[in-house]
Structure formats: C-alpha cells, structure tokens
C-alpha cells in the first residue's frame, strides 16, 4: 500500500538567529580529544552524552588558548547546548575538535564545534555542536556584560 504524505512538502525552517556551521576552513582552533574507555557504551561507540563532555573539554582549551578568560572576574555559564550526531566514534578512532566563536552579543556569545575523526588521512565529521555561553557574575547571580578585554580577544582571534 502506498501513502503520499502532503505534510512533508513544507521545508523545515531554521531559526534566523542560528548560524550555519560551515566548513572546517572557517575554524581557526583545533585540539585533540583523548578518548577514555569509560566514554564507550555497550555498543562499542562513544555514548551520546559524552559528546557534551568533549565539547566542554574543547571549549576550555579554546578559551585558554584564544581568549585567556579571567574566571576570577566574570564566570561563564551555558545557556543552551545542542548537537547533531553524524557518525559514530569508536574506541580506536583518532578524534579532534574544531571550536570557534561565531556570534558575540552583549552578555552572551555562541561557540560552534566540529568533532572529527581521522580515517585514512581524511577527516570525517562525527558531530556538529553549538553552545550559547552567558557571561555571569557569581556575586549577583545574574548575567553580566562580556568584559571588553575578552570580547576584544575573541574578535581579534576569530577576525570577526
């Protein structure tokens, strides 16, 4: 029996605020991700929740390298995190991550991530992720403006 679905004709609309993650060439920062045996699930691939840990590791390394964020003055909390799973990561895969700042607002900024594995000298994209990071004042327990020093470093590093 054949059913024609008319409701699928409408194209999926994207949020105008979202930034489409582009090619690897647009990322200026890359780091390696060391996989642990504990990252694997019963199926032998990295558990989906661990990808967010990988994004945290990549984000921390990126901030240390590119921005040198002053954590004593202004903290950062994650307002939103999302990920698209594309290909599995297995135990012996050689995994790297690309990270970049794609948007800078008054008190928040977006980071984008590409997790890749090297297969026969070619990088295969395993996932694409995004976090909305919010500058946060822990003393007032409220969002804060992104400090000018850190904002300027993000702009200079990413050439925004």
N, C-alpha and C. Protein backbone atom coordinates (compact mmCIF):
# COMPACT_ATOMS: atom_id res chain seq x y z
N UNK A 1 0.85 -1.17 0.00
CA UNK A 1 0.00 0.00 0.00
C UNK A 1 0.90 1.24 0.00
N UNK A 2 0.53 2.26 -0.76
CA UNK A 2 1.33 3.47 -0.92
C UNK A 2 0.57 4.67 -0.36
N UNK A 3 1.20 5.40 0.50
CA UNK A 3 0.61 6.61 1.06
C UNK A 3 1.45 7.80 0.66
N UNK A 4 0.83 8.79 0.15
CA UNK A 4 1.53 10.02 -0.19
C UNK A 4 1.36 11.00 0.96
N UNK A 5 2.46 11.57 1.42
CA UNK A 5 2.38 12.49 2.54
C UNK A 5 2.52 13.92 2.04
N UNK A 6 1.47 14.67 2.17
CA UNK A 6 1.48 16.06 1.73
C UNK A 6 2.11 16.99 2.76
N UNK A 7 2.05 16.60 4.02
CA UNK A 7 2.56 17.47 5.07
C UNK A 7 4.07 17.59 5.06
N UNK A 8 4.78 16.74 4.35
CA UNK A 8 6.24 16.82 4.29
C UNK A 8 6.74 17.75 3.20
N UNK A 9 5.86 18.30 2.40
CA UNK A 9 6.28 19.18 1.32
C UNK A 9 6.87 20.49 1.85
N UNK A 10 6.36 20.92 2.98
CA UNK A 10 6.83 22.18 3.55
C UNK A 10 8.25 22.01 4.07
N UNK A 11 9.14 22.90 3.63
CA UNK A 11 10.53 22.82 4.06
C UNK A 11 10.66 23.22 5.52
N UNK A 12 11.59 22.58 6.19
CA UNK A 12 11.86 22.89 7.58
C UNK A 12 12.52 24.27 7.66
N UNK A 13 11.96 25.15 8.48
CA UNK A 13 12.54 26.48 8.61
C UNK A 13 13.53 26.51 9.76
N UNK A 14 14.58 27.27 9.57
CA UNK A 14 15.61 27.41 10.60
C UNK A 14 15.42 28.72 11.35
N UNK A 15 15.84 28.74 12.58
CA UNK A 15 15.82 29.94 13.38
C UNK A 15 16.75 30.96 12.74
N UNK A 16 16.27 32.17 12.54
CA UNK A 16 17.10 33.21 11.91
C UNK A 16 18.33 33.55 12.73
N UNK A 17 18.28 33.31 14.05
CA UNK A 17 19.41 33.63 14.90
C UNK A 17 20.51 32.59 14.80
N UNK A 18 20.15 31.38 14.38
CA UNK A 18 21.15 30.33 14.35
C UNK A 18 22.13 30.55 13.22
N UNK A 19 23.34 30.15 13.45
CA UNK A 19 24.39 30.29 12.47
C UNK A 19 24.68 28.90 11.92
N UNK A 20 24.72 28.80 10.61
CA UNK A 20 25.01 27.51 10.00
C UNK A 20 26.50 27.23 10.13
N UNK A 21 26.81 26.09 10.71
CA UNK A 21 28.21 25.71 10.86
C UNK A 21 28.77 25.42 9.49
N UNK A 22 29.80 26.13 9.12
CA UNK A 22 30.34 25.98 7.78
C UNK A 22 31.53 25.04 7.76
N UNK A 23 32.32 25.17 6.77
CA UNK A 23 33.42 24.24 6.53
C UNK A 23 34.52 24.35 7.58
N UNK A 24 35.30 23.30 7.66
CA UNK A 24 36.41 23.24 8.61
C UNK A 24 37.34 24.43 8.43
N UNK A 25 37.46 24.92 7.20
CA UNK A 25 38.36 26.05 6.92
C UNK A 25 38.00 27.30 7.71
N UNK A 26 36.75 27.43 8.16
CA UNK A 26 36.35 28.63 8.88
C UNK A 26 36.72 28.56 10.37
N UNK A 27 37.26 27.44 10.83
CA UNK A 27 37.67 27.28 12.22
C UNK A 27 39.16 27.56 12.34
N UNK A 28 39.54 28.39 13.30
CA UNK A 28 40.94 28.74 13.50
C UNK A 28 41.59 27.97 14.65
N UNK A 29 40.78 27.21 15.40
CA UNK A 29 41.31 26.47 16.54
C UNK A 29 40.95 25.00 16.42
N UNK A 30 41.95 24.15 16.65
CA UNK A 30 41.76 22.70 16.61
C UNK A 30 42.53 22.09 17.76
N UNK A 31 41.94 21.09 18.42
CA UNK A 31 42.60 20.38 19.50
C UNK A 31 42.28 18.90 19.40
N UNK A 32 43.09 18.10 20.03
CA UNK A 32 42.84 16.65 20.06
C UNK A 32 41.98 16.32 21.27
N UNK A 33 41.20 15.29 21.14
CA UNK A 33 40.37 14.79 22.23
C UNK A 33 40.86 13.40 22.58
N UNK A 34 41.25 13.23 23.83
CA UNK A 34 41.70 11.92 24.29
C UNK A 34 40.49 11.13 24.78
N UNK A 35 40.23 10.04 24.12
CA UNK A 35 39.09 9.21 24.46
C UNK A 35 39.46 8.27 25.61
N UNK A 36 38.51 8.08 26.52
CA UNK A 36 38.70 7.15 27.63
C UNK A 36 37.82 5.92 27.39
N UNK A 37 38.21 4.80 27.94
CA UNK A 37 37.41 3.59 27.81
C UNK A 37 36.02 3.81 28.40
N UNK A 38 35.93 4.60 29.46
CA UNK A 38 34.66 4.88 30.12
C UNK A 38 33.70 5.69 29.23
N UNK A 39 34.21 6.28 28.14
CA UNK A 39 33.37 7.05 27.23
C UNK A 39 32.48 6.16 26.37
N UNK A 40 32.82 4.88 26.30
CA UNK A 40 32.12 3.95 25.41
C UNK A 40 30.88 3.36 26.07
N UNK A 41 29.89 3.09 25.25
CA UNK A 41 28.70 2.42 25.77
C UNK A 41 28.74 0.94 25.38
N UNK A 42 27.67 0.23 25.67
CA UNK A 42 27.64 -1.21 25.41
C UNK A 42 27.73 -1.55 23.93
N UNK A 43 27.44 -0.61 23.07
CA UNK A 43 27.50 -0.84 21.62
C UNK A 43 28.91 -0.63 21.06
N UNK A 44 29.84 -0.17 21.91
CA UNK A 44 31.22 0.00 21.47
C UNK A 44 31.53 1.34 20.84
N UNK A 45 30.62 2.29 20.94
CA UNK A 45 30.91 3.63 20.45
C UNK A 45 30.73 4.64 21.58
N UNK A 46 31.24 5.85 21.36
CA UNK A 46 31.16 6.89 22.38
C UNK A 46 29.69 7.20 22.65
N UNK A 47 29.33 7.20 23.93
CA UNK A 47 27.97 7.48 24.35
C UNK A 47 27.59 8.90 23.96
N UNK A 48 26.33 9.09 23.56
CA UNK A 48 25.90 10.41 23.08
C UNK A 48 26.09 11.52 24.11
N UNK A 49 25.94 11.24 25.39
CA UNK A 49 26.10 12.27 26.42
C UNK A 49 27.56 12.72 26.55
N UNK A 50 28.49 11.84 26.20
CA UNK A 50 29.92 12.16 26.32
C UNK A 50 30.34 13.23 25.31
N UNK A 51 29.62 13.35 24.22
CA UNK A 51 29.94 14.39 23.23
C UNK A 51 29.89 15.77 23.88
N UNK A 52 28.95 15.97 24.81
CA UNK A 52 28.88 17.26 25.50
C UNK A 52 30.10 17.47 26.41
N UNK A 53 30.61 16.38 26.97
CA UNK A 53 31.85 16.48 27.75
C UNK A 53 33.01 16.85 26.83
N UNK A 54 33.05 16.25 25.65
CA UNK A 54 34.09 16.60 24.67
C UNK A 54 33.99 18.08 24.29
N UNK A 55 32.75 18.57 24.13
CA UNK A 55 32.58 19.99 23.82
C UNK A 55 33.09 20.86 24.97
N UNK A 56 32.86 20.43 26.20
CA UNK A 56 33.37 21.17 27.36
C UNK A 56 34.90 21.18 27.36
N UNK A 57 35.51 20.06 27.09
CA UNK A 57 36.97 19.98 27.03
C UNK A 57 37.51 20.90 25.94
N UNK A 58 36.91 20.83 24.76
CA UNK A 58 37.33 21.69 23.65
C UNK A 58 37.14 23.16 23.95
N UNK A 59 36.01 23.49 24.58
CA UNK A 59 35.70 24.87 24.94
C UNK A 59 36.74 25.41 25.93
N UNK A 60 37.08 24.63 26.93
CA UNK A 60 38.05 25.06 27.94
C UNK A 60 39.42 25.28 27.31
N UNK A 61 39.85 24.35 26.47
CA UNK A 61 41.14 24.51 25.79
C UNK A 61 41.14 25.74 24.88
N UNK A 62 40.04 25.95 24.17
CA UNK A 62 39.89 27.11 23.28
C UNK A 62 39.99 28.41 24.07
N UNK A 63 39.25 28.48 25.19
CA UNK A 63 39.29 29.70 25.99
C UNK A 63 40.69 29.97 26.53
N UNK A 64 41.40 28.94 26.95
CA UNK A 64 42.77 29.12 27.45
C UNK A 64 43.69 29.61 26.34
N UNK A 65 43.54 29.05 25.15
CA UNK A 65 44.43 29.38 24.03
C UNK A 65 44.08 30.74 23.40
N UNK A 66 42.82 30.92 23.06
CA UNK A 66 42.43 32.09 22.26
C UNK A 66 42.06 33.31 23.08
N UNK A 67 41.46 33.11 24.25
CA UNK A 67 40.88 34.23 24.97
C UNK A 67 41.56 34.50 26.30
N UNK A 68 42.01 33.47 26.98
CA UNK A 68 42.58 33.61 28.31
C UNK A 68 41.59 34.32 29.24
N UNK A 69 40.38 33.78 29.30
CA UNK A 69 39.27 34.35 30.07
C UNK A 69 39.66 34.48 31.54
N UNK A 70 39.35 35.62 32.14
CA UNK A 70 39.64 35.87 33.55
C UNK A 70 38.46 35.36 34.39
N UNK A 71 38.54 34.11 34.84
CA UNK A 71 37.45 33.46 35.58
C UNK A 71 37.19 34.10 36.94
N UNK A 72 38.20 34.78 37.49
CA UNK A 72 38.02 35.40 38.80
C UNK A 72 37.10 36.62 38.73
N UNK A 73 37.09 37.29 37.58
CA UNK A 73 36.24 38.46 37.40
C UNK A 73 34.83 38.08 36.95
N UNK A 74 34.76 37.34 35.86
CA UNK A 74 33.47 37.01 35.25
C UNK A 74 33.44 35.53 34.89
N UNK A 75 32.41 34.86 35.34
CA UNK A 75 32.24 33.45 35.00
C UNK A 75 31.50 33.28 33.69
N UNK A 76 31.35 32.05 33.29
CA UNK A 76 30.59 31.73 32.09
C UNK A 76 29.72 30.53 32.41
N UNK A 77 28.43 30.63 32.07
CA UNK A 77 27.51 29.50 32.20
C UNK A 77 26.97 29.19 30.81
N UNK A 78 26.53 27.96 30.65
CA UNK A 78 25.97 27.54 29.38
C UNK A 78 24.46 27.75 29.42
N UNK A 79 23.96 28.57 28.51
CA UNK A 79 22.53 28.85 28.43
C UNK A 79 21.79 27.83 27.59
N UNK A 80 22.48 27.30 26.58
CA UNK A 80 21.87 26.31 25.71
C UNK A 80 22.97 25.50 25.04
N UNK A 81 22.73 24.22 24.86
CA UNK A 81 23.69 23.35 24.17
C UNK A 81 22.92 22.43 23.23
N UNK A 82 23.43 22.28 22.02
CA UNK A 82 22.80 21.39 21.06
C UNK A 82 23.86 20.67 20.25
N UNK A 83 23.47 19.53 19.70
CA UNK A 83 24.42 18.74 18.93
C UNK A 83 23.67 17.93 17.87
N UNK A 84 24.31 17.78 16.73
CA UNK A 84 23.83 16.90 15.68
C UNK A 84 24.83 15.75 15.56
N UNK A 85 24.34 14.53 15.71
CA UNK A 85 25.20 13.35 15.60
C UNK A 85 25.21 12.91 14.14
N UNK A 86 26.40 12.73 13.59
CA UNK A 86 26.52 12.41 12.18
C UNK A 86 27.14 11.02 11.96
N UNK A 87 28.24 10.74 12.64
CA UNK A 87 28.91 9.45 12.50
C UNK A 87 29.40 9.01 13.88
N UNK A 88 29.40 7.70 14.15
CA UNK A 88 29.84 7.24 15.47
C UNK A 88 31.35 7.37 15.65
N UNK A 89 31.75 7.50 16.91
CA UNK A 89 33.16 7.46 17.28
C UNK A 89 33.39 6.14 17.99
N UNK A 90 34.37 5.39 17.51
CA UNK A 90 34.68 4.07 18.07
C UNK A 90 35.96 4.13 18.89
N UNK A 91 36.24 3.06 19.60
CA UNK A 91 37.34 3.02 20.57
C UNK A 91 38.68 3.50 20.03
N UNK A 92 39.12 3.02 18.92
CA UNK A 92 40.47 3.35 18.43
C UNK A 92 40.50 4.53 17.47
N UNK A 93 39.43 5.29 17.37
CA UNK A 93 39.41 6.44 16.47
C UNK A 93 40.31 7.56 17.00
N UNK A 94 40.94 8.25 16.06
CA UNK A 94 41.78 9.41 16.35
C UNK A 94 40.87 10.64 16.24
N UNK A 95 40.51 11.25 17.38
CA UNK A 95 39.47 12.28 17.41
C UNK A 95 40.07 13.66 17.67
N UNK A 96 39.56 14.65 16.91
CA UNK A 96 39.93 16.04 17.09
C UNK A 96 38.67 16.88 17.12
N UNK A 97 38.83 18.11 17.61
CA UNK A 97 37.70 19.02 17.67
C UNK A 97 38.11 20.41 17.20
N UNK A 98 37.24 20.99 16.41
CA UNK A 98 37.38 22.39 16.00
C UNK A 98 36.41 23.21 16.83
N UNK A 99 36.85 24.39 17.26
CA UNK A 99 36.00 25.28 18.06
C UNK A 99 36.15 26.70 17.52
N UNK A 100 35.04 27.43 17.50
CA UNK A 100 35.11 28.84 17.11
C UNK A 100 33.98 29.63 17.76
N UNK A 101 34.23 30.92 17.92
CA UNK A 101 33.19 31.85 18.35
C UNK A 101 32.52 32.36 17.08
N UNK A 102 31.21 32.18 16.99
CA UNK A 102 30.51 32.58 15.77
C UNK A 102 29.64 33.83 15.94
N UNK A 103 29.30 34.15 17.19
CA UNK A 103 28.48 35.34 17.46
C UNK A 103 28.85 35.89 18.83
N UNK A 104 28.90 37.21 18.90
CA UNK A 104 29.17 37.87 20.18
C UNK A 104 28.07 38.91 20.42
N UNK A 105 27.35 38.75 21.53
CA UNK A 105 26.32 39.70 21.91
C UNK A 105 26.80 40.56 23.06
N UNK A 106 25.87 41.11 23.81
CA UNK A 106 26.21 41.95 24.96
C UNK A 106 26.67 41.11 26.14
N UNK A 107 25.88 40.08 26.47
CA UNK A 107 26.24 39.23 27.61
C UNK A 107 26.39 37.77 27.22
N UNK A 108 26.17 37.45 25.96
CA UNK A 108 26.29 36.05 25.53
C UNK A 108 27.04 35.95 24.21
N UNK A 109 27.54 34.76 23.96
CA UNK A 109 28.23 34.50 22.69
C UNK A 109 28.03 33.03 22.34
N UNK A 110 28.10 32.74 21.05
CA UNK A 110 27.91 31.38 20.56
C UNK A 110 29.25 30.75 20.23
N UNK A 111 29.39 29.50 20.64
CA UNK A 111 30.54 28.70 20.23
C UNK A 111 30.02 27.55 19.37
N UNK A 112 30.74 27.25 18.32
CA UNK A 112 30.40 26.13 17.45
C UNK A 112 31.53 25.12 17.50
N UNK A 113 31.16 23.86 17.33
CA UNK A 113 32.10 22.75 17.46
C UNK A 113 31.93 21.78 16.30
N UNK A 114 33.03 21.26 15.83
CA UNK A 114 33.03 20.14 14.90
C UNK A 114 33.90 19.06 15.53
N UNK A 115 33.34 17.89 15.75
CA UNK A 115 34.13 16.76 16.23
C UNK A 115 34.38 15.88 15.02
N UNK A 116 35.65 15.61 14.76
CA UNK A 116 36.04 14.84 13.58
C UNK A 116 36.92 13.68 13.99
N UNK A 117 36.96 12.66 13.13
CA UNK A 117 37.91 11.57 13.31
C UNK A 117 38.70 11.41 12.03
N UNK A 118 39.93 10.98 12.19
CA UNK A 118 40.82 10.81 11.04
C UNK A 118 40.71 9.37 10.56
N UNK A 119 40.27 9.19 9.32
CA UNK A 119 40.14 7.87 8.72
C UNK A 119 40.92 7.87 7.41
N UNK A 120 42.01 7.11 7.38
CA UNK A 120 42.87 7.01 6.19
C UNK A 120 43.32 8.38 5.69
N UNK A 121 43.70 9.25 6.62
CA UNK A 121 44.21 10.57 6.27
C UNK A 121 43.14 11.59 5.93
N UNK A 122 41.88 11.23 6.07
CA UNK A 122 40.78 12.14 5.76
C UNK A 122 39.96 12.39 7.02
N UNK A 123 39.57 13.65 7.25
CA UNK A 123 38.76 13.97 8.41
C UNK A 123 37.28 13.73 8.10
N UNK A 124 36.66 12.91 8.94
CA UNK A 124 35.24 12.61 8.83
C UNK A 124 34.52 13.33 9.98
N UNK A 125 33.52 14.13 9.66
CA UNK A 125 32.76 14.84 10.69
C UNK A 125 31.86 13.87 11.43
N UNK A 126 32.03 13.82 12.74
CA UNK A 126 31.21 12.94 13.60
C UNK A 126 30.04 13.68 14.21
N UNK A 127 30.22 14.96 14.53
CA UNK A 127 29.13 15.74 15.10
C UNK A 127 29.39 17.23 14.90
N UNK A 128 28.29 17.97 14.93
CA UNK A 128 28.32 19.43 14.88
C UNK A 128 27.56 19.91 16.10
N UNK A 129 28.17 20.81 16.87
CA UNK A 129 27.51 21.28 18.08
C UNK A 129 27.55 22.78 18.21
N UNK A 130 26.74 23.26 19.14
CA UNK A 130 26.69 24.70 19.40
C UNK A 130 26.32 24.91 20.86
N UNK A 131 26.96 25.88 21.49
CA UNK A 131 26.57 26.31 22.82
C UNK A 131 26.39 27.82 22.83
N UNK A 132 25.40 28.25 23.60
CA UNK A 132 25.25 29.68 23.87
C UNK A 132 25.80 29.90 25.26
N UNK A 133 26.88 30.65 25.33
CA UNK A 133 27.59 30.89 26.59
C UNK A 133 27.19 32.27 27.11
N UNK A 134 26.94 32.36 28.40
CA UNK A 134 26.49 33.60 29.02
C UNK A 134 27.51 34.03 30.07
N UNK A 135 28.00 35.26 29.93
CA UNK A 135 28.88 35.82 30.96
C UNK A 135 28.05 35.98 32.22
N UNK A 136 28.63 35.61 33.37
CA UNK A 136 27.84 35.51 34.60
C UNK A 136 28.61 36.07 35.78
N UNK A 137 27.94 36.89 36.56
CA UNK A 137 28.52 37.45 37.78
C UNK A 137 28.03 36.59 38.95
N UNK A 138 28.93 35.81 39.53
CA UNK A 138 28.54 34.89 40.60
C UNK A 138 28.14 35.62 41.89
N UNK A 139 28.63 36.83 42.09
CA UNK A 139 28.27 37.56 43.31
C UNK A 139 26.82 38.05 43.26
N UNK A 140 26.37 38.49 42.10
CA UNK A 140 24.98 38.96 41.97
C UNK A 140 24.05 37.86 41.46
N UNK A 141 24.64 36.76 41.00
CA UNK A 141 23.87 35.63 40.45
C UNK A 141 23.05 36.06 39.23
N UNK A 142 23.64 36.94 38.41
CA UNK A 142 22.96 37.45 37.22
C UNK A 142 23.93 37.49 36.03
N UNK A 143 23.36 37.46 34.82
CA UNK A 143 24.22 37.64 33.64
C UNK A 143 24.94 38.98 33.71
N UNK A 144 26.11 39.01 33.12
CA UNK A 144 26.92 40.23 33.10
C UNK A 144 27.34 40.52 31.66
N UNK A 145 27.74 41.75 31.42
CA UNK A 145 28.28 42.07 30.10
C UNK A 145 29.59 41.32 29.90
N UNK A 146 29.84 40.93 28.66
CA UNK A 146 31.13 40.31 28.34
C UNK A 146 32.20 41.37 28.54
N UNK A 147 33.22 41.08 29.35
CA UNK A 147 34.28 42.09 29.57
C UNK A 147 34.95 42.48 28.25
N UNK A 148 35.28 43.76 28.13
CA UNK A 148 35.89 44.28 26.90
C UNK A 148 37.16 43.54 26.53
N UNK A 149 37.98 43.21 27.52
CA UNK A 149 39.24 42.51 27.27
C UNK A 149 38.99 41.17 26.56
N UNK A 150 38.05 40.39 27.08
CA UNK A 150 37.75 39.09 26.49
C UNK A 150 37.04 39.24 25.14
N UNK A 151 36.13 40.22 25.05
CA UNK A 151 35.43 40.48 23.78
C UNK A 151 36.44 40.81 22.68
N UNK A 152 37.38 41.69 22.98
CA UNK A 152 38.38 42.10 22.00
C UNK A 152 39.26 40.93 21.58
N UNK A 153 39.59 40.05 22.53
CA UNK A 153 40.40 38.87 22.19
C UNK A 153 39.63 37.92 21.27
N UNK A 154 38.33 37.74 21.54
CA UNK A 154 37.51 36.89 20.68
C UNK A 154 37.45 37.46 19.25
N UNK A 155 37.21 38.77 19.18
CA UNK A 155 37.10 39.43 17.88
C UNK A 155 38.43 39.32 17.12
N UNK A 156 39.53 39.57 17.81
CA UNK A 156 40.83 39.52 17.16
C UNK A 156 41.18 38.07 16.72
N UNK A 157 40.94 37.11 17.58
CA UNK A 157 41.29 35.73 17.24
C UNK A 157 40.45 35.21 16.09
N UNK A 158 39.16 35.47 16.12
CA UNK A 158 38.27 34.97 15.08
C UNK A 158 38.18 35.89 13.87
N UNK A 159 38.76 37.09 13.99
CA UNK A 159 38.71 38.09 12.93
C UNK A 159 37.26 38.40 12.55
N UNK A 160 36.45 38.64 13.58
CA UNK A 160 35.04 38.94 13.37
C UNK A 160 34.84 40.41 13.02
